[in-house]
Every structure is written in C-alpha cells, then in structure tokens.
Amino acid sequence: MSSQQAWSTLATIGGLSLDGWDTFDGGEKSAEPLKTRSGASRQEKQYPVLGSYSDVTITRVLERERDHDLLLRLNDMAGWANGSVSRQPMDIPTGLPWGKPRLYSGMLMTVTPGASDINSMEKTILTLVLQIVDVR
C-alpha cells in the first residue's frame, strides 16, 4: 500500500530542474475503441485505437524568494517548452526512494501563479499543467 504522501515529485521544464512539488494529478491513459454495427447485424464489432494521456497538474506553495523570478521564466515557456514530471515512490520509514520513478513527458501548457486576496490568510499555490504525450 502507498499513501498519497509517499511520493516525491520533480519537474524539469525547458531545462530547468524544479523540485518541491506538493501535489500531482492526472496522467491517466485512456482510449475509446471504435464500435460499429454493419448492416442488420445485432452484434457490434470493436476496432482497437491508440490511447492518449490526460494532462498532468502539479502544485506547490508559492514562495516569494524561490518563485518570483521563476514565474516570469515559466510564463515565457508556456506553449513551447518541453517538460517532464517524475514521480518516485518513497519508503515511508526511511524516506528513501523506492522502485523506479515514472516519467511523464510533454509540453508546458499552463502556469498559474495563484490567487491573491488581501483579506485571506490562505497560502498562494503555484500550479503548472503539462500536456502529456509519453509515460515511461
């Protein structure tokens, strides 16, 4: 069994190595096989198709000193910079990596610097979304 907190998530965007990500979501592979029924047949026939991956979203608390200048660089990369997100299972008792990491590769789509509200005590969350084309 693995808990949600037992994962290390690292990102590489346009050659920049970025660690410290708190959440990871997406990267599922799905496919919808084609179904047809020819003529007066009662039985449908299925045809295989290629699958595709859903987008991957990663988030972390925006830290002013670490992320302020980085946000400007990432904004310039959205829509053209290749990137990847690596998820590594961690051994809970030792905190050491366990097994092989899974690498989600694609292109940076969205950079969200987080909301602001002068009356809120909530933390600001930095969000990156990558369009995924390969998982290894």
N, C-alpha and C. Protein backbone atom coordinates (compact mmCIF):
# COMPACT_ATOMS: atom_id res chain seq x y z
N MET A 1 0.84 -1.17 0.00
CA MET A 1 0.00 0.00 0.00
C MET A 1 0.89 1.24 0.00
N SER A 2 0.40 2.28 -0.62
CA SER A 2 1.14 3.54 -0.67
C SER A 2 0.20 4.69 -0.33
N SER A 3 0.61 5.54 0.58
CA SER A 3 -0.21 6.71 0.89
C SER A 3 0.11 7.83 -0.09
N GLN A 4 -0.76 8.81 -0.18
CA GLN A 4 -0.55 9.92 -1.10
C GLN A 4 0.70 10.71 -0.75
N GLN A 5 1.10 10.71 0.52
CA GLN A 5 2.27 11.48 0.90
C GLN A 5 3.58 10.73 0.67
N ALA A 6 3.52 9.52 0.17
CA ALA A 6 4.72 8.70 -0.01
C ALA A 6 5.28 8.80 -1.42
N TRP A 7 5.23 9.99 -2.00
CA TRP A 7 5.73 10.20 -3.35
C TRP A 7 6.58 11.46 -3.40
N SER A 8 7.63 11.41 -4.20
CA SER A 8 8.44 12.59 -4.47
C SER A 8 8.15 13.01 -5.90
N THR A 9 7.85 14.29 -6.12
CA THR A 9 7.51 14.80 -7.44
C THR A 9 8.51 15.88 -7.84
N LEU A 10 9.17 15.66 -8.98
CA LEU A 10 10.14 16.61 -9.53
C LEU A 10 9.72 16.98 -10.93
N ALA A 11 10.02 18.21 -11.34
CA ALA A 11 9.68 18.66 -12.70
C ALA A 11 10.93 19.21 -13.37
N THR A 12 11.00 19.02 -14.67
CA THR A 12 12.03 19.65 -15.50
C THR A 12 11.29 20.34 -16.64
N ILE A 13 11.43 21.66 -16.72
CA ILE A 13 10.74 22.45 -17.73
C ILE A 13 11.78 23.28 -18.49
N GLY A 14 11.87 23.08 -19.80
CA GLY A 14 12.81 23.85 -20.60
C GLY A 14 14.23 23.81 -20.06
N GLY A 15 14.64 22.68 -19.51
CA GLY A 15 15.98 22.53 -18.96
C GLY A 15 16.12 22.95 -17.51
N LEU A 16 15.09 23.58 -16.92
CA LEU A 16 15.14 23.98 -15.51
C LEU A 16 14.67 22.83 -14.64
N SER A 17 15.46 22.45 -13.65
CA SER A 17 15.09 21.40 -12.72
C SER A 17 14.38 22.04 -11.53
N LEU A 18 13.14 21.61 -11.27
CA LEU A 18 12.30 22.21 -10.24
C LEU A 18 11.82 21.14 -9.27
N ASP A 19 12.21 21.26 -8.01
CA ASP A 19 11.76 20.28 -7.02
C ASP A 19 10.80 20.93 -6.05
N GLY A 20 10.34 20.15 -5.08
CA GLY A 20 9.47 20.68 -4.04
C GLY A 20 7.99 20.74 -4.39
N TRP A 21 7.50 19.88 -5.26
CA TRP A 21 6.09 19.89 -5.65
C TRP A 21 5.28 19.10 -4.64
N ASP A 22 4.15 19.66 -4.24
CA ASP A 22 3.32 19.06 -3.20
C ASP A 22 2.27 18.10 -3.74
N THR A 23 1.69 18.43 -4.89
CA THR A 23 0.62 17.57 -5.42
C THR A 23 0.89 17.22 -6.88
N PHE A 24 0.34 16.09 -7.27
CA PHE A 24 0.40 15.58 -8.63
C PHE A 24 -0.97 15.03 -8.96
N ASP A 25 -1.50 15.36 -10.15
CA ASP A 25 -2.79 14.82 -10.55
C ASP A 25 -2.79 14.64 -12.06
N GLY A 26 -3.40 13.57 -12.53
CA GLY A 26 -3.55 13.34 -13.97
C GLY A 26 -2.59 12.28 -14.48
N GLY A 27 -2.40 12.32 -15.81
CA GLY A 27 -1.50 11.36 -16.45
C GLY A 27 -2.14 10.02 -16.76
N GLU A 28 -3.47 9.94 -16.63
CA GLU A 28 -4.13 8.67 -16.93
C GLU A 28 -4.11 8.42 -18.44
N LYS A 29 -4.02 7.15 -18.80
CA LYS A 29 -4.12 6.80 -20.22
C LYS A 29 -5.50 6.23 -20.47
N SER A 30 -6.13 6.72 -21.53
CA SER A 30 -7.45 6.21 -21.87
C SER A 30 -7.58 6.09 -23.38
N ALA A 31 -8.48 5.24 -23.79
CA ALA A 31 -8.76 5.03 -25.20
C ALA A 31 -10.22 4.63 -25.33
N GLU A 32 -10.84 5.03 -26.41
CA GLU A 32 -12.23 4.67 -26.65
C GLU A 32 -12.29 3.87 -27.96
N PRO A 33 -12.25 2.54 -27.85
CA PRO A 33 -12.29 1.72 -29.06
C PRO A 33 -13.52 2.03 -29.91
N LEU A 34 -13.34 1.99 -31.20
CA LEU A 34 -14.41 2.26 -32.15
C LEU A 34 -15.35 1.07 -32.20
N LYS A 35 -16.67 1.33 -32.13
CA LYS A 35 -17.67 0.28 -32.23
C LYS A 35 -18.56 0.57 -33.43
N THR A 36 -18.81 -0.46 -34.22
CA THR A 36 -19.74 -0.32 -35.34
C THR A 36 -20.61 -1.56 -35.44
N ARG A 37 -21.72 -1.38 -36.09
CA ARG A 37 -22.63 -2.50 -36.35
C ARG A 37 -22.93 -2.43 -37.84
N SER A 38 -22.52 -3.43 -38.58
CA SER A 38 -22.72 -3.39 -40.03
C SER A 38 -24.04 -4.05 -40.42
N GLY A 39 -24.67 -3.40 -41.39
CA GLY A 39 -25.92 -3.95 -41.92
C GLY A 39 -26.95 -4.18 -40.83
N ALA A 40 -27.57 -5.34 -40.89
CA ALA A 40 -28.63 -5.68 -39.93
C ALA A 40 -28.09 -6.52 -38.78
N SER A 41 -26.77 -6.52 -38.60
CA SER A 41 -26.16 -7.33 -37.54
C SER A 41 -26.59 -6.85 -36.16
N ARG A 42 -26.84 -7.80 -35.28
CA ARG A 42 -27.16 -7.46 -33.90
C ARG A 42 -25.90 -7.24 -33.08
N GLN A 43 -24.85 -7.85 -33.50
CA GLN A 43 -23.59 -7.79 -32.74
C GLN A 43 -22.72 -6.63 -33.22
N GLU A 44 -22.28 -5.81 -32.28
CA GLU A 44 -21.34 -4.75 -32.62
C GLU A 44 -19.94 -5.34 -32.74
N LYS A 45 -19.13 -4.68 -33.53
CA LYS A 45 -17.74 -5.09 -33.68
C LYS A 45 -16.86 -3.94 -33.17
N GLN A 46 -15.82 -4.30 -32.45
CA GLN A 46 -14.91 -3.29 -31.91
C GLN A 46 -13.62 -3.28 -32.70
N TYR A 47 -13.05 -2.07 -32.83
CA TYR A 47 -11.77 -1.88 -33.51
C TYR A 47 -10.83 -1.15 -32.56
N PRO A 48 -9.59 -1.66 -32.41
CA PRO A 48 -8.65 -1.01 -31.49
C PRO A 48 -8.24 0.37 -31.98
N VAL A 49 -7.92 1.23 -31.04
CA VAL A 49 -7.45 2.59 -31.32
C VAL A 49 -6.25 2.89 -30.42
N LEU A 50 -5.54 3.93 -30.76
CA LEU A 50 -4.44 4.38 -29.90
C LEU A 50 -5.00 5.20 -28.74
N GLY A 51 -4.39 5.07 -27.60
CA GLY A 51 -4.82 5.83 -26.43
C GLY A 51 -4.09 7.16 -26.34
N SER A 52 -4.52 7.97 -25.39
CA SER A 52 -3.83 9.23 -25.12
C SER A 52 -3.83 9.47 -23.61
N TYR A 53 -2.93 10.34 -23.18
CA TYR A 53 -2.77 10.65 -21.76
C TYR A 53 -3.48 11.95 -21.42
N SER A 54 -4.00 12.01 -20.22
CA SER A 54 -4.59 13.26 -19.74
C SER A 54 -3.45 14.19 -19.29
N ASP A 55 -3.78 15.47 -19.17
CA ASP A 55 -2.80 16.46 -18.71
C ASP A 55 -2.37 16.14 -17.28
N VAL A 56 -1.17 16.57 -16.93
CA VAL A 56 -0.66 16.44 -15.56
C VAL A 56 -0.63 17.82 -14.93
N THR A 57 -1.16 17.91 -13.71
CA THR A 57 -1.15 19.15 -12.95
C THR A 57 -0.32 18.93 -11.69
N ILE A 58 0.64 19.84 -11.46
CA ILE A 58 1.44 19.80 -10.24
C ILE A 58 1.31 21.14 -9.53
N THR A 59 1.36 21.10 -8.20
CA THR A 59 1.23 22.34 -7.43
C THR A 59 2.23 22.35 -6.28
N ARG A 60 2.54 23.56 -5.84
CA ARG A 60 3.32 23.76 -4.62
C ARG A 60 3.00 25.15 -4.07
N VAL A 61 3.31 25.35 -2.80
CA VAL A 61 3.12 26.66 -2.20
C VAL A 61 4.10 27.62 -2.87
N LEU A 62 3.57 28.76 -3.29
CA LEU A 62 4.42 29.77 -3.92
C LEU A 62 5.25 30.46 -2.84
N GLU A 63 6.56 30.34 -2.98
CA GLU A 63 7.48 31.01 -2.05
C GLU A 63 8.12 32.17 -2.80
N ARG A 64 7.91 33.35 -2.29
CA ARG A 64 8.33 34.57 -2.98
C ARG A 64 9.80 34.53 -3.41
N GLU A 65 10.69 34.20 -2.51
CA GLU A 65 12.13 34.23 -2.81
C GLU A 65 12.50 33.20 -3.88
N ARG A 66 11.88 32.05 -3.86
CA ARG A 66 12.20 30.99 -4.79
C ARG A 66 11.48 31.15 -6.12
N ASP A 67 10.24 31.62 -6.10
CA ASP A 67 9.39 31.51 -7.27
C ASP A 67 9.09 32.81 -8.02
N HIS A 68 9.39 33.96 -7.46
CA HIS A 68 9.02 35.22 -8.11
C HIS A 68 9.65 35.35 -9.50
N ASP A 69 10.97 35.25 -9.61
CA ASP A 69 11.64 35.35 -10.91
C ASP A 69 11.36 34.13 -11.78
N LEU A 70 11.21 32.97 -11.14
CA LEU A 70 10.92 31.75 -11.88
C LEU A 70 9.60 31.86 -12.64
N LEU A 71 8.60 32.49 -12.04
CA LEU A 71 7.30 32.65 -12.70
C LEU A 71 7.43 33.37 -14.04
N LEU A 72 8.25 34.40 -14.10
CA LEU A 72 8.45 35.13 -15.36
C LEU A 72 9.05 34.21 -16.43
N ARG A 73 10.02 33.40 -16.02
CA ARG A 73 10.64 32.46 -16.98
C ARG A 73 9.65 31.40 -17.44
N LEU A 74 8.88 30.86 -16.50
CA LEU A 74 7.90 29.82 -16.86
C LEU A 74 6.80 30.38 -17.76
N ASN A 75 6.34 31.59 -17.49
CA ASN A 75 5.31 32.21 -18.34
C ASN A 75 5.79 32.30 -19.78
N ASP A 76 7.05 32.65 -19.98
CA ASP A 76 7.60 32.73 -21.34
C ASP A 76 7.70 31.37 -22.01
N MET A 77 7.71 30.29 -21.23
CA MET A 77 7.87 28.94 -21.78
C MET A 77 6.54 28.26 -22.10
N ALA A 78 5.44 28.75 -21.56
CA ALA A 78 4.15 28.09 -21.76
C ALA A 78 3.82 28.02 -23.25
N GLY A 79 3.48 26.81 -23.69
CA GLY A 79 3.08 26.60 -25.08
C GLY A 79 4.19 26.16 -26.00
N TRP A 80 5.44 26.20 -25.55
CA TRP A 80 6.53 25.77 -26.44
C TRP A 80 7.62 24.95 -25.74
N ALA A 81 7.76 25.05 -24.42
CA ALA A 81 8.86 24.35 -23.73
C ALA A 81 8.49 22.91 -23.41
N ASN A 82 9.37 22.00 -23.79
CA ASN A 82 9.21 20.61 -23.40
C ASN A 82 9.47 20.49 -21.91
N GLY A 83 8.80 19.52 -21.32
CA GLY A 83 8.98 19.31 -19.89
C GLY A 83 8.63 17.90 -19.49
N SER A 84 8.97 17.58 -18.27
CA SER A 84 8.62 16.26 -17.74
C SER A 84 8.39 16.38 -16.23
N VAL A 85 7.62 15.44 -15.73
CA VAL A 85 7.37 15.33 -14.30
C VAL A 85 7.69 13.90 -13.91
N SER A 86 8.50 13.76 -12.89
CA SER A 86 8.90 12.46 -12.40
C SER A 86 8.25 12.21 -11.05
N ARG A 87 7.61 11.04 -10.92
CA ARG A 87 7.02 10.62 -9.64
C ARG A 87 7.79 9.42 -9.13
N GLN A 88 8.32 9.55 -7.94
CA GLN A 88 9.13 8.49 -7.34
C GLN A 88 8.48 8.01 -6.05
N PRO A 89 8.14 6.72 -5.96
CA PRO A 89 7.63 6.24 -4.68
C PRO A 89 8.72 6.35 -3.61
N MET A 90 8.29 6.64 -2.39
CA MET A 90 9.23 6.77 -1.28
C MET A 90 8.92 5.71 -0.22
N ASP A 91 9.96 5.19 0.39
CA ASP A 91 9.81 4.27 1.51
C ASP A 91 9.51 5.12 2.75
N ILE A 92 8.36 4.93 3.36
CA ILE A 92 7.95 5.81 4.46
C ILE A 92 8.89 5.73 5.66
N PRO A 93 9.29 4.54 6.12
CA PRO A 93 10.14 4.53 7.32
C PRO A 93 11.50 5.22 7.11
N THR A 94 12.09 5.07 5.93
CA THR A 94 13.44 5.61 5.71
C THR A 94 13.44 6.94 4.95
N GLY A 95 12.35 7.21 4.21
CA GLY A 95 12.31 8.42 3.38
C GLY A 95 13.15 8.30 2.13
N LEU A 96 13.63 7.11 1.82
CA LEU A 96 14.47 6.88 0.64
C LEU A 96 13.60 6.49 -0.56
N PRO A 97 14.08 6.80 -1.78
CA PRO A 97 13.35 6.39 -2.98
C PRO A 97 13.17 4.87 -3.03
N TRP A 98 12.05 4.45 -3.57
CA TRP A 98 11.74 3.03 -3.71
C TRP A 98 11.33 2.77 -5.14
N GLY A 99 11.87 1.71 -5.76
CA GLY A 99 11.48 1.33 -7.12
C GLY A 99 11.92 2.35 -8.16
N LYS A 100 11.36 2.19 -9.34
CA LYS A 100 11.69 3.08 -10.45
C LYS A 100 10.73 4.26 -10.49
N PRO A 101 11.25 5.46 -10.79
CA PRO A 101 10.34 6.60 -10.95
C PRO A 101 9.55 6.47 -12.25
N ARG A 102 8.40 7.08 -12.29
CA ARG A 102 7.59 7.14 -13.51
C ARG A 102 7.75 8.54 -14.09
N LEU A 103 8.06 8.63 -15.38
CA LEU A 103 8.35 9.90 -16.03
C LEU A 103 7.25 10.24 -17.03
N TYR A 104 6.59 11.38 -16.81
CA TYR A 104 5.53 11.88 -17.68
C TYR A 104 6.12 13.00 -18.52
N SER A 105 6.15 12.83 -19.83
CA SER A 105 6.80 13.81 -20.72
C SER A 105 5.80 14.50 -21.62
N GLY A 106 6.06 15.78 -21.88
CA GLY A 106 5.16 16.53 -22.76
C GLY A 106 5.60 17.97 -22.90
N MET A 107 4.63 18.89 -22.86
CA MET A 107 4.89 20.31 -23.06
C MET A 107 4.15 21.13 -22.02
N LEU A 108 4.82 22.17 -21.53
CA LEU A 108 4.19 23.07 -20.57
C LEU A 108 3.05 23.82 -21.23
N MET A 109 1.86 23.73 -20.65
CA MET A 109 0.67 24.39 -21.18
C MET A 109 0.27 25.62 -20.38
N THR A 110 0.25 25.47 -19.07
CA THR A 110 -0.34 26.49 -18.21
C THR A 110 0.55 26.76 -17.00
N VAL A 111 0.71 28.05 -16.70
CA VAL A 111 1.40 28.49 -15.48
C VAL A 111 0.41 29.38 -14.74
N THR A 112 0.03 28.97 -13.53
CA THR A 112 -0.91 29.74 -12.73
C THR A 112 -0.21 30.19 -11.45
N PRO A 113 -0.02 31.50 -11.28
CA PRO A 113 0.71 31.98 -10.12
C PRO A 113 -0.08 31.96 -8.82
N GLY A 114 -1.34 31.64 -8.88
CA GLY A 114 -2.15 31.56 -7.66
C GLY A 114 -2.94 32.83 -7.44
N ALA A 115 -3.97 32.70 -6.66
CA ALA A 115 -4.87 33.82 -6.36
C ALA A 115 -4.26 34.70 -5.27
N SER A 116 -4.77 35.91 -5.19
CA SER A 116 -4.40 36.78 -4.08
C SER A 116 -5.65 37.45 -3.53
N ASP A 117 -5.65 37.65 -2.23
CA ASP A 117 -6.78 38.29 -1.55
C ASP A 117 -6.23 38.92 -0.28
N ILE A 118 -6.26 40.22 -0.21
CA ILE A 118 -5.69 40.96 0.92
C ILE A 118 -6.32 40.55 2.25
N ASN A 119 -7.53 39.99 2.22
CA ASN A 119 -8.23 39.62 3.45
C ASN A 119 -8.08 38.14 3.80
N SER A 120 -7.30 37.40 3.02
CA SER A 120 -7.20 35.96 3.22
C SER A 120 -5.88 35.60 3.90
N MET A 121 -5.91 34.58 4.70
CA MET A 121 -4.70 34.02 5.32
C MET A 121 -4.28 32.73 4.63
N GLU A 122 -4.97 32.38 3.53
CA GLU A 122 -4.64 31.16 2.78
C GLU A 122 -3.30 31.32 2.07
N LYS A 123 -2.62 30.20 1.89
CA LYS A 123 -1.36 30.22 1.16
C LYS A 123 -1.64 30.35 -0.34
N THR A 124 -0.70 30.91 -1.07
CA THR A 124 -0.80 31.04 -2.52
C THR A 124 -0.19 29.81 -3.16
N ILE A 125 -0.88 29.22 -4.13
CA ILE A 125 -0.45 27.97 -4.75
C ILE A 125 -0.01 28.23 -6.19
N LEU A 126 1.21 27.78 -6.52
CA LEU A 126 1.73 27.81 -7.88
C LEU A 126 1.31 26.52 -8.56
N THR A 127 0.72 26.63 -9.75
CA THR A 127 0.23 25.46 -10.48
C THR A 127 0.83 25.42 -11.87
N LEU A 128 1.34 24.26 -12.27
CA LEU A 128 1.79 24.02 -13.64
C LEU A 128 0.97 22.89 -14.23
N VAL A 129 0.62 23.03 -15.52
CA VAL A 129 -0.10 21.97 -16.23
C VAL A 129 0.73 21.62 -17.46
N LEU A 130 0.98 20.32 -17.63
CA LEU A 130 1.71 19.84 -18.81
C LEU A 130 0.80 18.94 -19.63
N GLN A 131 0.86 19.12 -20.94
CA GLN A 131 0.17 18.21 -21.87
C GLN A 131 1.10 17.02 -22.06
N ILE A 132 0.63 15.83 -21.75
CA ILE A 132 1.47 14.63 -21.72
C ILE A 132 1.31 13.82 -23.02
N VAL A 133 2.45 13.40 -23.55
CA VAL A 133 2.43 12.57 -24.76
C VAL A 133 3.11 11.21 -24.55
N ASP A 134 3.83 11.04 -23.43
CA ASP A 134 4.52 9.78 -23.19
C ASP A 134 4.71 9.56 -21.69
N VAL A 135 4.60 8.31 -21.28
CA VAL A 135 4.86 7.93 -19.89
C VAL A 135 5.79 6.73 -19.92
N ARG A 136 6.86 6.81 -19.18
CA ARG A 136 7.84 5.70 -19.08
C ARG A 136 8.07 5.33 -17.64
